[in-house]
N, C-alpha and C. Protein backbone atom coordinates (compact mmCIF):
# COMPACT_ATOMS: atom_id res chain seq x y z
N MET A 1 78.65 -1.74 121.00
CA MET A 1 78.24 -0.37 120.70
C MET A 1 76.78 -0.22 121.06
N CYS A 2 76.16 0.89 120.77
CA CYS A 2 74.79 1.17 121.13
C CYS A 2 73.83 0.26 120.38
N SER A 3 72.76 -0.18 121.07
CA SER A 3 71.84 -1.12 120.46
C SER A 3 71.06 -0.51 119.31
N PHE A 4 70.73 0.78 119.37
CA PHE A 4 69.94 1.38 118.31
C PHE A 4 70.72 1.46 117.01
N VAL A 5 72.04 1.51 117.07
CA VAL A 5 72.86 1.61 115.87
C VAL A 5 72.81 0.31 115.08
N HIS A 6 72.62 -0.80 115.76
CA HIS A 6 72.63 -2.09 115.10
C HIS A 6 71.29 -2.42 114.45
N GLN A 7 70.26 -1.58 114.67
CA GLN A 7 69.01 -1.78 113.97
C GLN A 7 69.24 -1.45 112.50
N SER A 8 68.38 -1.96 111.66
CA SER A 8 68.51 -1.71 110.23
C SER A 8 68.06 -0.29 109.92
N ILE A 9 69.01 0.58 109.65
CA ILE A 9 68.71 1.96 109.28
C ILE A 9 69.38 2.20 107.94
N ARG A 10 68.59 2.10 106.87
CA ARG A 10 69.16 2.20 105.53
C ARG A 10 69.45 3.64 105.16
N CYS A 11 70.33 3.80 104.20
CA CYS A 11 70.72 5.12 103.71
C CYS A 11 69.60 5.67 102.83
N THR A 12 69.29 6.95 102.97
CA THR A 12 68.21 7.56 102.19
C THR A 12 68.71 8.31 100.96
N VAL A 13 70.02 8.31 100.72
CA VAL A 13 70.54 8.93 99.50
C VAL A 13 70.05 8.09 98.32
N SER A 14 69.47 8.74 97.31
CA SER A 14 68.77 8.02 96.24
C SER A 14 69.64 7.01 95.50
N SER A 15 70.90 7.30 95.29
CA SER A 15 71.75 6.38 94.53
C SER A 15 72.49 5.37 95.41
N CYS A 16 72.21 5.35 96.70
CA CYS A 16 72.94 4.48 97.62
C CYS A 16 72.13 3.22 97.94
N SER A 17 72.80 2.09 97.94
CA SER A 17 72.13 0.83 98.23
C SER A 17 72.46 0.30 99.63
N CYS A 18 73.10 1.10 100.46
CA CYS A 18 73.47 0.69 101.81
C CYS A 18 72.20 0.43 102.63
N MET A 19 72.10 -0.76 103.19
CA MET A 19 70.90 -1.15 103.94
C MET A 19 71.05 -1.03 105.45
N ARG A 20 72.25 -0.75 105.93
CA ARG A 20 72.43 -0.71 107.39
C ARG A 20 73.59 0.20 107.73
N PHE A 21 73.37 1.12 108.63
CA PHE A 21 74.42 2.02 109.09
C PHE A 21 75.42 1.25 109.93
N LYS A 22 76.70 1.46 109.63
CA LYS A 22 77.78 0.87 110.43
C LYS A 22 78.78 2.00 110.69
N PRO A 23 78.93 2.42 111.95
CA PRO A 23 79.84 3.54 112.24
C PRO A 23 81.28 3.24 111.86
N ALA A 24 81.91 4.21 111.24
CA ALA A 24 83.33 4.07 110.90
C ALA A 24 84.16 4.19 112.17
N ARG A 25 85.35 3.64 112.16
CA ARG A 25 86.20 3.67 113.37
C ARG A 25 86.63 5.09 113.72
N ALA A 26 87.10 5.83 112.75
CA ALA A 26 87.61 7.17 113.02
C ALA A 26 86.49 8.21 113.13
N LYS A 27 85.49 8.09 112.30
CA LYS A 27 84.38 9.05 112.29
C LYS A 27 83.09 8.29 112.59
N HIS A 28 82.65 8.33 113.84
CA HIS A 28 81.48 7.56 114.27
C HIS A 28 80.20 8.03 113.60
N ARG A 29 80.18 9.24 113.09
CA ARG A 29 78.97 9.77 112.46
C ARG A 29 78.91 9.47 110.97
N SER A 30 79.89 8.77 110.43
CA SER A 30 79.89 8.38 109.02
C SER A 30 79.78 6.87 108.92
N CYS A 31 79.10 6.42 107.87
CA CYS A 31 78.91 4.99 107.66
C CYS A 31 80.16 4.37 107.05
N ASP A 32 80.59 3.26 107.61
CA ASP A 32 81.77 2.56 107.12
C ASP A 32 81.48 1.87 105.79
N ARG A 33 80.22 1.59 105.51
CA ARG A 33 79.85 0.89 104.29
C ARG A 33 79.73 1.82 103.09
N CYS A 34 79.04 2.95 103.26
CA CYS A 34 78.80 3.82 102.10
C CYS A 34 79.46 5.18 102.22
N GLY A 35 79.89 5.55 103.42
CA GLY A 35 80.56 6.83 103.61
C GLY A 35 79.62 8.00 103.89
N HIS A 36 78.31 7.78 103.78
CA HIS A 36 77.36 8.85 104.06
C HIS A 36 77.21 9.04 105.57
N GLY A 37 76.71 10.19 105.94
CA GLY A 37 76.56 10.52 107.35
C GLY A 37 75.40 9.82 108.03
N TRP A 38 75.41 9.90 109.36
CA TRP A 38 74.38 9.28 110.19
C TRP A 38 73.01 9.88 109.92
N VAL A 39 72.95 11.18 109.64
CA VAL A 39 71.68 11.85 109.45
C VAL A 39 70.92 11.28 108.26
N VAL A 40 71.59 11.08 107.13
CA VAL A 40 70.88 10.55 105.96
C VAL A 40 70.43 9.10 106.16
N HIS A 41 71.04 8.39 107.07
CA HIS A 41 70.58 7.05 107.41
C HIS A 41 69.34 7.11 108.30
N ALA A 42 69.25 8.11 109.13
CA ALA A 42 68.17 8.19 110.11
C ALA A 42 66.93 8.90 109.59
N LEU A 43 67.01 9.59 108.49
CA LEU A 43 65.88 10.38 108.01
C LEU A 43 64.61 9.56 107.80
N GLU A 44 64.75 8.40 107.22
CA GLU A 44 63.56 7.58 106.97
C GLU A 44 62.87 7.20 108.28
N LYS A 45 63.66 6.91 109.27
CA LYS A 45 63.11 6.49 110.56
C LYS A 45 62.40 7.63 111.28
N LEU A 46 62.82 8.86 111.01
CA LEU A 46 62.27 10.01 111.70
C LEU A 46 60.99 10.55 111.08
N GLN A 47 60.63 10.10 109.91
CA GLN A 47 59.42 10.60 109.27
C GLN A 47 58.22 9.95 109.93
N ALA A 48 57.55 10.72 110.79
CA ALA A 48 56.38 10.23 111.52
C ALA A 48 55.12 10.76 110.87
N PRO A 49 54.03 10.00 110.88
CA PRO A 49 52.78 10.50 110.33
C PRO A 49 52.28 11.68 111.16
N PRO A 50 51.64 12.67 110.52
CA PRO A 50 51.16 13.83 111.27
C PRO A 50 50.08 13.42 112.27
N SER A 51 50.10 14.07 113.40
CA SER A 51 49.14 13.79 114.47
C SER A 51 47.82 14.50 114.16
N PRO A 52 46.67 13.78 114.25
CA PRO A 52 45.39 14.40 113.94
C PRO A 52 44.98 15.48 114.94
N SER A 53 45.36 15.31 116.20
CA SER A 53 44.96 16.30 117.21
C SER A 53 46.20 16.79 117.94
N CYS A 54 46.57 18.01 117.67
CA CYS A 54 47.73 18.59 118.33
C CYS A 54 47.26 19.60 119.35
N GLY A 55 47.49 19.30 120.61
CA GLY A 55 47.12 20.21 121.68
C GLY A 55 48.28 21.14 121.97
N PRO A 56 48.19 21.88 123.09
CA PRO A 56 49.27 22.79 123.43
C PRO A 56 50.59 22.07 123.74
N VAL A 57 50.50 20.83 124.26
CA VAL A 57 51.69 20.04 124.52
C VAL A 57 51.53 18.71 123.80
N GLU A 58 52.46 18.41 122.92
CA GLU A 58 52.39 17.15 122.20
C GLU A 58 53.12 16.08 123.00
N VAL A 59 52.68 14.86 122.85
CA VAL A 59 53.31 13.74 123.52
C VAL A 59 54.56 13.37 122.72
N ALA A 60 55.66 13.23 123.42
CA ALA A 60 56.92 12.83 122.78
C ALA A 60 57.13 11.35 123.05
N LEU A 61 57.23 10.58 121.99
CA LEU A 61 57.48 9.15 122.13
C LEU A 61 58.96 8.93 122.40
N PRO A 62 59.30 8.12 123.40
CA PRO A 62 60.71 7.90 123.73
C PRO A 62 61.56 7.42 122.56
N GLY A 63 61.00 6.56 121.71
CA GLY A 63 61.76 6.07 120.55
C GLY A 63 62.10 7.19 119.58
N LEU A 64 61.15 8.08 119.35
CA LEU A 64 61.39 9.20 118.45
C LEU A 64 62.37 10.20 119.07
N VAL A 65 62.25 10.41 120.39
CA VAL A 65 63.19 11.30 121.08
C VAL A 65 64.61 10.71 121.02
N LEU A 66 64.72 9.38 121.15
CA LEU A 66 66.02 8.72 121.01
C LEU A 66 66.60 8.97 119.62
N ASP A 67 65.76 8.82 118.61
CA ASP A 67 66.23 9.04 117.24
C ASP A 67 66.70 10.47 117.03
N LEU A 68 65.93 11.43 117.52
CA LEU A 68 66.32 12.83 117.38
C LEU A 68 67.57 13.13 118.20
N SER A 69 67.63 12.58 119.40
CA SER A 69 68.80 12.79 120.25
C SER A 69 70.06 12.24 119.61
N SER A 70 69.92 11.12 118.93
CA SER A 70 71.09 10.50 118.31
C SER A 70 71.67 11.38 117.22
N LEU A 71 70.83 12.16 116.55
CA LEU A 71 71.33 13.06 115.51
C LEU A 71 72.24 14.13 116.10
N VAL A 72 71.98 14.50 117.36
CA VAL A 72 72.76 15.54 118.01
C VAL A 72 73.91 14.96 118.83
N LEU A 73 73.64 13.90 119.59
CA LEU A 73 74.59 13.42 120.58
C LEU A 73 75.50 12.29 120.12
N TYR A 74 75.05 11.46 119.18
CA TYR A 74 75.82 10.29 118.81
C TYR A 74 77.15 10.69 118.18
N GLY A 75 78.22 10.25 118.76
CA GLY A 75 79.56 10.54 118.25
C GLY A 75 80.06 11.93 118.55
N ALA A 76 79.27 12.72 119.27
CA ALA A 76 79.67 14.09 119.60
C ALA A 76 80.26 14.14 121.00
N GLN A 77 81.06 15.15 121.25
CA GLN A 77 81.65 15.34 122.57
C GLN A 77 81.13 16.60 123.23
N ALA A 78 80.39 17.41 122.47
CA ALA A 78 79.81 18.63 123.01
C ALA A 78 78.48 18.89 122.30
N VAL A 79 77.61 19.64 122.97
CA VAL A 79 76.29 19.95 122.42
C VAL A 79 76.18 21.45 122.22
N PRO A 80 75.90 21.89 120.99
CA PRO A 80 75.66 23.33 120.79
C PRO A 80 74.47 23.79 121.64
N VAL A 81 74.55 24.99 122.16
CA VAL A 81 73.56 25.49 123.11
C VAL A 81 72.14 25.44 122.55
N ARG A 82 71.95 25.88 121.33
CA ARG A 82 70.59 25.91 120.76
C ARG A 82 70.01 24.50 120.61
N LEU A 83 70.84 23.54 120.24
CA LEU A 83 70.36 22.17 120.14
C LEU A 83 70.08 21.58 121.52
N LYS A 84 70.88 21.96 122.50
CA LYS A 84 70.65 21.49 123.86
C LYS A 84 69.31 22.00 124.39
N ILE A 85 68.98 23.24 124.07
CA ILE A 85 67.69 23.80 124.49
C ILE A 85 66.54 22.98 123.89
N LEU A 86 66.66 22.63 122.61
CA LEU A 86 65.62 21.82 121.97
C LEU A 86 65.52 20.44 122.61
N LEU A 87 66.68 19.82 122.89
CA LEU A 87 66.66 18.51 123.55
C LEU A 87 66.08 18.62 124.96
N ASP A 88 66.43 19.68 125.68
CA ASP A 88 65.87 19.88 127.02
C ASP A 88 64.35 19.94 126.99
N ARG A 89 63.81 20.59 125.98
CA ARG A 89 62.35 20.68 125.85
C ARG A 89 61.74 19.30 125.56
N LEU A 90 62.41 18.51 124.74
CA LEU A 90 61.93 17.15 124.48
C LEU A 90 62.02 16.30 125.74
N TYR A 91 63.15 16.39 126.43
CA TYR A 91 63.36 15.58 127.63
C TYR A 91 62.41 15.97 128.75
N SER A 92 61.91 17.20 128.75
CA SER A 92 61.04 17.66 129.83
C SER A 92 59.71 16.92 129.88
N VAL A 93 59.30 16.29 128.78
CA VAL A 93 58.04 15.55 128.77
C VAL A 93 58.24 14.06 128.98
N LEU A 94 59.50 13.62 129.14
CA LEU A 94 59.80 12.22 129.42
C LEU A 94 60.08 12.04 130.91
N THR A 95 60.06 10.80 131.35
CA THR A 95 60.41 10.52 132.74
C THR A 95 61.94 10.60 132.88
N PRO A 96 62.43 10.86 134.09
CA PRO A 96 63.88 10.87 134.29
C PRO A 96 64.55 9.55 133.90
N GLU A 97 63.85 8.43 134.10
CA GLU A 97 64.40 7.13 133.71
C GLU A 97 64.55 7.03 132.20
N GLN A 98 63.57 7.53 131.46
CA GLN A 98 63.64 7.49 130.00
C GLN A 98 64.79 8.36 129.49
N VAL A 99 64.94 9.54 130.09
CA VAL A 99 66.03 10.44 129.69
C VAL A 99 67.37 9.79 129.98
N GLY A 100 67.50 9.20 131.17
CA GLY A 100 68.75 8.53 131.54
C GLY A 100 69.08 7.39 130.60
N HIS A 101 68.06 6.63 130.20
CA HIS A 101 68.28 5.51 129.27
C HIS A 101 68.73 6.03 127.90
N ILE A 102 68.11 7.09 127.41
CA ILE A 102 68.49 7.66 126.11
C ILE A 102 69.93 8.14 126.16
N LEU A 103 70.28 8.89 127.19
CA LEU A 103 71.64 9.42 127.30
C LEU A 103 72.65 8.29 127.41
N HIS A 104 72.35 7.29 128.24
CA HIS A 104 73.27 6.16 128.41
C HIS A 104 73.46 5.41 127.08
N THR A 105 72.36 5.22 126.35
CA THR A 105 72.43 4.53 125.05
C THR A 105 73.35 5.26 124.09
N LEU A 106 73.38 6.59 124.17
CA LEU A 106 74.20 7.39 123.27
C LEU A 106 75.60 7.65 123.82
N GLY A 107 75.91 7.05 124.99
CA GLY A 107 77.25 7.19 125.55
C GLY A 107 77.46 8.43 126.38
N TRP A 108 76.38 9.08 126.80
CA TRP A 108 76.47 10.29 127.62
C TRP A 108 76.00 10.00 129.03
N SER A 109 76.64 10.61 130.02
CA SER A 109 76.12 10.56 131.38
C SER A 109 75.23 11.78 131.56
N LEU A 110 74.38 11.74 132.56
CA LEU A 110 73.51 12.89 132.83
C LEU A 110 74.34 14.12 133.17
N GLY A 111 75.41 13.93 133.94
CA GLY A 111 76.28 15.05 134.30
C GLY A 111 76.93 15.69 133.09
N ASP A 112 77.41 14.85 132.16
CA ASP A 112 78.01 15.37 130.93
C ASP A 112 76.98 16.15 130.12
N TYR A 113 75.76 15.60 130.02
CA TYR A 113 74.73 16.27 129.23
C TYR A 113 74.37 17.62 129.85
N VAL A 114 74.18 17.65 131.16
CA VAL A 114 73.83 18.90 131.84
C VAL A 114 74.95 19.92 131.64
N ARG A 115 76.20 19.47 131.70
CA ARG A 115 77.35 20.34 131.49
C ARG A 115 77.42 20.83 130.05
N GLY A 116 77.00 19.98 129.11
CA GLY A 116 77.02 20.34 127.70
C GLY A 116 78.20 19.77 126.95
N TYR A 117 79.08 19.08 127.63
CA TYR A 117 80.23 18.44 126.98
C TYR A 117 80.69 17.27 127.84
N MET A 118 81.43 16.36 127.20
CA MET A 118 81.93 15.18 127.91
C MET A 118 83.27 15.45 128.55
N LEU A 119 83.42 15.04 129.79
CA LEU A 119 84.74 15.08 130.42
C LEU A 119 85.53 13.83 130.09
N GLN A 120 84.82 12.75 129.82
CA GLN A 120 85.47 11.47 129.55
C GLN A 120 85.01 10.96 128.19
N VAL A 121 85.96 10.62 127.32
CA VAL A 121 85.64 10.10 126.00
C VAL A 121 86.42 8.81 125.79
N ASN A 122 85.71 7.74 125.44
CA ASN A 122 86.35 6.44 125.19
C ASN A 122 87.26 6.00 126.34
N SER A 123 86.76 6.13 127.56
CA SER A 123 87.48 5.71 128.77
C SER A 123 88.76 6.49 129.02
N ARG A 124 88.95 7.60 128.33
CA ARG A 124 90.11 8.46 128.58
C ARG A 124 89.58 9.83 128.98
N TYR A 125 90.16 10.41 130.00
CA TYR A 125 89.71 11.72 130.44
C TYR A 125 90.29 12.81 129.56
N ILE A 126 89.44 13.75 129.21
CA ILE A 126 89.92 14.96 128.54
C ILE A 126 90.39 15.87 129.66
N LEU A 127 91.63 16.23 129.63
CA LEU A 127 92.22 16.92 130.76
C LEU A 127 91.96 18.43 130.70
N VAL A 128 90.70 18.78 130.83
CA VAL A 128 90.32 20.19 130.80
C VAL A 128 90.90 20.90 132.02
N ARG A 129 90.59 20.39 133.20
CA ARG A 129 91.05 21.03 134.42
C ARG A 129 92.56 20.89 134.61
N SER A 130 93.10 19.72 134.29
CA SER A 130 94.53 19.49 134.48
C SER A 130 95.37 20.43 133.63
N ASP A 131 94.94 20.66 132.39
CA ASP A 131 95.67 21.58 131.52
C ASP A 131 95.67 22.99 132.10
N VAL A 132 94.54 23.40 132.64
CA VAL A 132 94.45 24.73 133.24
C VAL A 132 95.37 24.82 134.46
N HIS A 133 95.33 23.79 135.32
CA HIS A 133 96.19 23.79 136.50
C HIS A 133 97.66 23.76 136.11
N LYS A 134 97.99 22.99 135.08
CA LYS A 134 99.37 22.89 134.62
C LYS A 134 99.88 24.26 134.14
N ARG A 135 99.02 24.95 133.36
CA ARG A 135 99.41 26.27 132.87
C ARG A 135 99.56 27.27 134.01
N LEU A 136 98.66 27.18 135.01
CA LEU A 136 98.76 28.08 136.16
C LEU A 136 100.04 27.82 136.95
N ALA A 137 100.38 26.53 137.12
CA ALA A 137 101.60 26.19 137.85
C ALA A 137 102.82 26.68 137.11
N GLN A 138 102.81 26.53 135.79
CA GLN A 138 103.97 26.99 135.00
C GLN A 138 104.11 28.51 135.07
N SER A 139 102.99 29.22 135.02
CA SER A 139 103.08 30.68 135.06
C SER A 139 103.50 31.19 136.44
N SER A 140 103.09 30.46 137.51
CA SER A 140 103.49 30.90 138.85
C SER A 140 104.95 30.57 139.15
N ASN A 141 105.49 29.55 138.44
CA ASN A 141 106.90 29.18 138.62
C ASN A 141 107.80 29.94 137.67
N GLY A 142 107.21 30.79 136.85
CA GLY A 142 108.01 31.56 135.92
C GLY A 142 108.33 30.81 134.67
N GLY A 143 107.69 29.66 134.41
CA GLY A 143 108.00 28.84 133.25
C GLY A 143 106.93 28.92 132.28
């Protein structure tokens, strides 16, 4: 699985003692150990100290962008438009190699990300186009 997931990311729910996120088999965004979501595990890691000098363009650290990207992309098959716009703005200050590495780490190809959804999930194709062609063929054949 992704290398960042295997880092120690403890749960931030006050009554939870889970020390490491482990994705569940059926729901990749939920922890197999405690049942809490990926976001509550990542919150502690995302709390960055405030920057003393904020100019018109802030520097985006690749590690922090990876963490933020994982909240949106990890275990997802599509990206809501508003979140994609925010990610696009973050990615615009990184190098293309850094963006490619982040997307690859989260299981996304650049083409899938640009499209906004995955055509291929877990080595199986989602038959978006085939279903449309099948329906068109059936309607043209009278079936």
